[in-house]
Amino acid sequence: MKIIFDATFGEGWVDSLTAFFRSHREPRPRFQHIHDVFDRNMSDDVWVPKFAEIDCLIISGDAGRRKPRLPAICRQYNKTHIILSPTLQMCDKFTQARAIIVLWPDIVRAADYLKGTRLQIQPTDSKHERFRLVKKD
């Protein structure tokens, strides 16, 4: 399973997740940061289409303030994508990484959803200790 993290996540953060998942059973997930592939100034409407034919999920912490919005672009190119909730976007990177780890079985199942599905990671408590993955739209 290939997971693409967008520019809202730091490369070091993705490297840490990669190191953590090295102990995962085969097949291990393959994490890639968008800046490992494309220029830092490339907009979503340019890089997302380049992944149209690649079997992968996109994970974003993008608040979607710029147009065109990432969810609309992903839907146009049938890319299943996971967005952090606004509350989780405000949390530290450790909490965001922990959410990915805790929800990993749900994220794996999301790969089988209808292409273009939008999901959101949400904390379920005020201390941000528990999370859920919710289908949106």
Protein backbone atom coordinates (compact mmCIF):
# COMPACT_ATOMS: atom_id res chain seq x y z
CA MET A 1 0.00 0.00 0.00
CA LYS A 2 1.35 3.39 -0.99
CA ILE A 3 0.49 6.52 0.98
CA ILE A 4 1.30 10.00 -0.32
CA PHE A 5 1.54 12.80 2.25
CA ASP A 6 1.06 16.33 0.99
CA ALA A 7 3.09 19.45 1.77
CA THR A 8 1.29 20.13 5.06
CA PHE A 9 3.31 17.30 6.61
CA GLY A 10 7.04 17.73 7.03
CA GLU A 11 9.40 15.31 5.32
CA GLY A 12 10.94 14.40 8.69
CA TRP A 13 7.51 13.51 10.02
CA VAL A 14 6.96 11.12 7.11
CA ASP A 15 10.47 9.68 7.61
CA SER A 16 9.56 8.95 11.25
CA LEU A 17 6.38 7.13 10.24
CA THR A 18 8.36 5.16 7.66
CA ALA A 19 10.86 4.10 10.34
CA PHE A 20 8.06 3.11 12.71
CA PHE A 21 6.32 0.96 10.10
CA ARG A 22 9.52 -0.92 9.21
CA SER A 23 8.52 -3.37 11.93
CA HIS A 24 5.12 -3.92 10.28
CA ARG A 25 4.52 -7.30 8.68
CA GLU A 26 4.79 -7.64 4.92
CA PRO A 27 3.53 -6.08 2.84
CA ARG A 28 4.71 -2.96 4.61
CA PRO A 29 3.15 0.37 3.76
CA ARG A 30 5.22 2.65 1.56
CA PHE A 31 5.07 6.27 2.64
CA GLN A 32 6.14 9.07 0.35
CA HIS A 33 6.21 12.80 0.87
CA ILE A 34 5.10 14.92 -2.07
CA HIS A 35 8.34 16.92 -1.88
CA ASP A 36 10.31 13.73 -2.47
CA VAL A 37 8.71 13.60 -5.91
CA PHE A 38 7.82 17.14 -6.96
CA ASP A 39 9.00 20.73 -6.57
CA ARG A 40 7.95 22.50 -3.38
CA ASN A 41 5.94 25.08 -5.30
CA MET A 42 3.78 22.58 -7.19
CA SER A 43 0.08 23.13 -6.52
CA ASP A 44 -2.43 20.37 -5.77
CA ASP A 45 -4.11 20.71 -9.15
CA VAL A 46 -0.77 19.87 -10.80
CA TRP A 47 0.58 17.03 -8.62
CA VAL A 48 -2.64 15.10 -7.89
CA PRO A 49 -3.28 14.28 -11.59
CA LYS A 50 0.24 12.85 -11.80
CA PHE A 51 -0.87 10.18 -9.30
CA ALA A 52 -4.12 9.43 -11.17
CA GLU A 53 -2.92 6.07 -12.50
CA ILE A 54 -0.94 5.08 -9.39
CA ASP A 55 -2.63 2.95 -6.75
CA CYS A 56 -2.22 5.07 -3.63
CA LEU A 57 -4.04 6.99 -0.92
CA ILE A 58 -3.42 10.67 -0.31
CA ILE A 59 -3.29 12.02 3.24
CA SER A 60 -3.51 15.76 3.77
CA GLY A 61 -3.58 18.22 6.60
CA ASP A 62 -4.69 20.89 4.14
CA ALA A 63 -7.41 23.16 5.43
CA GLY A 64 -8.58 23.62 1.83
CA ARG A 65 -8.55 27.38 1.79
CA ARG A 66 -6.99 27.69 -1.68
CA LYS A 67 -8.94 26.98 -4.83
CA PRO A 68 -9.20 24.51 -6.34
CA ARG A 69 -9.56 22.55 -3.11
CA LEU A 70 -7.72 19.25 -2.69
CA PRO A 71 -10.89 17.19 -2.09
CA ALA A 72 -12.42 18.41 -5.35
CA ILE A 73 -9.22 17.63 -7.26
CA CYS A 74 -9.00 14.16 -5.72
CA ARG A 75 -12.62 13.46 -6.59
CA GLN A 76 -12.03 14.61 -10.17
CA TYR A 77 -9.12 12.16 -10.53
CA ASN A 78 -10.74 9.37 -8.46
CA LYS A 79 -8.10 9.48 -5.73
CA THR A 80 -9.20 8.26 -2.34
CA HIS A 81 -7.96 10.75 0.21
CA ILE A 82 -7.89 11.29 3.94
CA ILE A 83 -8.06 14.77 5.43
CA LEU A 84 -7.30 15.71 9.03
CA SER A 85 -10.21 17.39 10.80
CA PRO A 86 -9.77 21.08 11.62
CA THR A 87 -9.31 20.15 15.29
CA LEU A 88 -6.60 17.62 14.46
CA GLN A 89 -4.88 20.11 12.13
CA MET A 90 -4.35 22.31 15.18
CA CYS A 91 -2.68 19.49 17.15
CA ASP A 92 1.04 18.83 17.30
CA LYS A 93 2.65 16.50 14.76
CA PHE A 94 3.07 13.74 17.36
CA THR A 95 -0.69 13.59 17.88
CA GLN A 96 -1.27 13.57 14.12
CA ALA A 97 1.24 10.74 13.65
CA ARG A 98 -0.34 8.81 16.52
CA ALA A 99 -3.73 9.12 14.83
CA ILE A 100 -2.28 7.54 11.66
CA ILE A 101 -0.80 4.68 13.69
CA VAL A 102 -3.92 4.06 15.79
CA LEU A 103 -6.20 4.12 12.75
CA TRP A 104 -3.89 2.06 10.54
CA PRO A 105 -6.31 -0.91 10.16
CA ASP A 106 -9.06 1.52 9.09
CA ILE A 107 -6.71 3.26 6.66
CA VAL A 108 -5.85 -0.11 5.07
CA ARG A 109 -9.58 -0.81 4.61
CA ALA A 110 -10.03 2.63 3.05
CA ALA A 111 -7.86 1.51 0.14
CA ASP A 112 -10.73 -0.76 -0.91
CA TYR A 113 -13.36 1.99 -0.88
CA LEU A 114 -14.76 3.42 -4.09
CA LYS A 115 -12.01 5.42 -5.79
CA GLY A 116 -12.33 9.11 -5.00
CA THR A 117 -13.79 8.55 -1.53
CA ARG A 118 -13.07 11.32 0.95
CA LEU A 119 -12.41 10.44 4.57
CA GLN A 120 -11.56 12.48 7.61
CA ILE A 121 -9.55 11.64 10.74
CA GLN A 122 -11.29 13.08 13.77
CA PRO A 123 -10.42 13.03 17.47
CA THR A 124 -13.25 11.57 19.54
CA ASP A 125 -12.31 13.13 22.87
CA SER A 126 -11.20 16.53 24.12
CA LYS A 127 -7.68 15.31 24.98
CA HIS A 128 -7.15 13.96 21.44
CA GLU A 129 -6.29 10.49 22.71
CA ARG A 130 -8.81 8.59 20.57
CA PHE A 131 -9.61 8.91 16.89
CA ARG A 132 -11.99 7.73 14.21
CA LEU A 133 -11.92 7.62 10.43
CA VAL A 134 -15.16 8.92 8.95
CA LYS A 135 -16.40 8.85 5.36
CA LYS A 136 -17.39 12.33 4.20
CA ASP A 137 -19.81 13.57 1.51
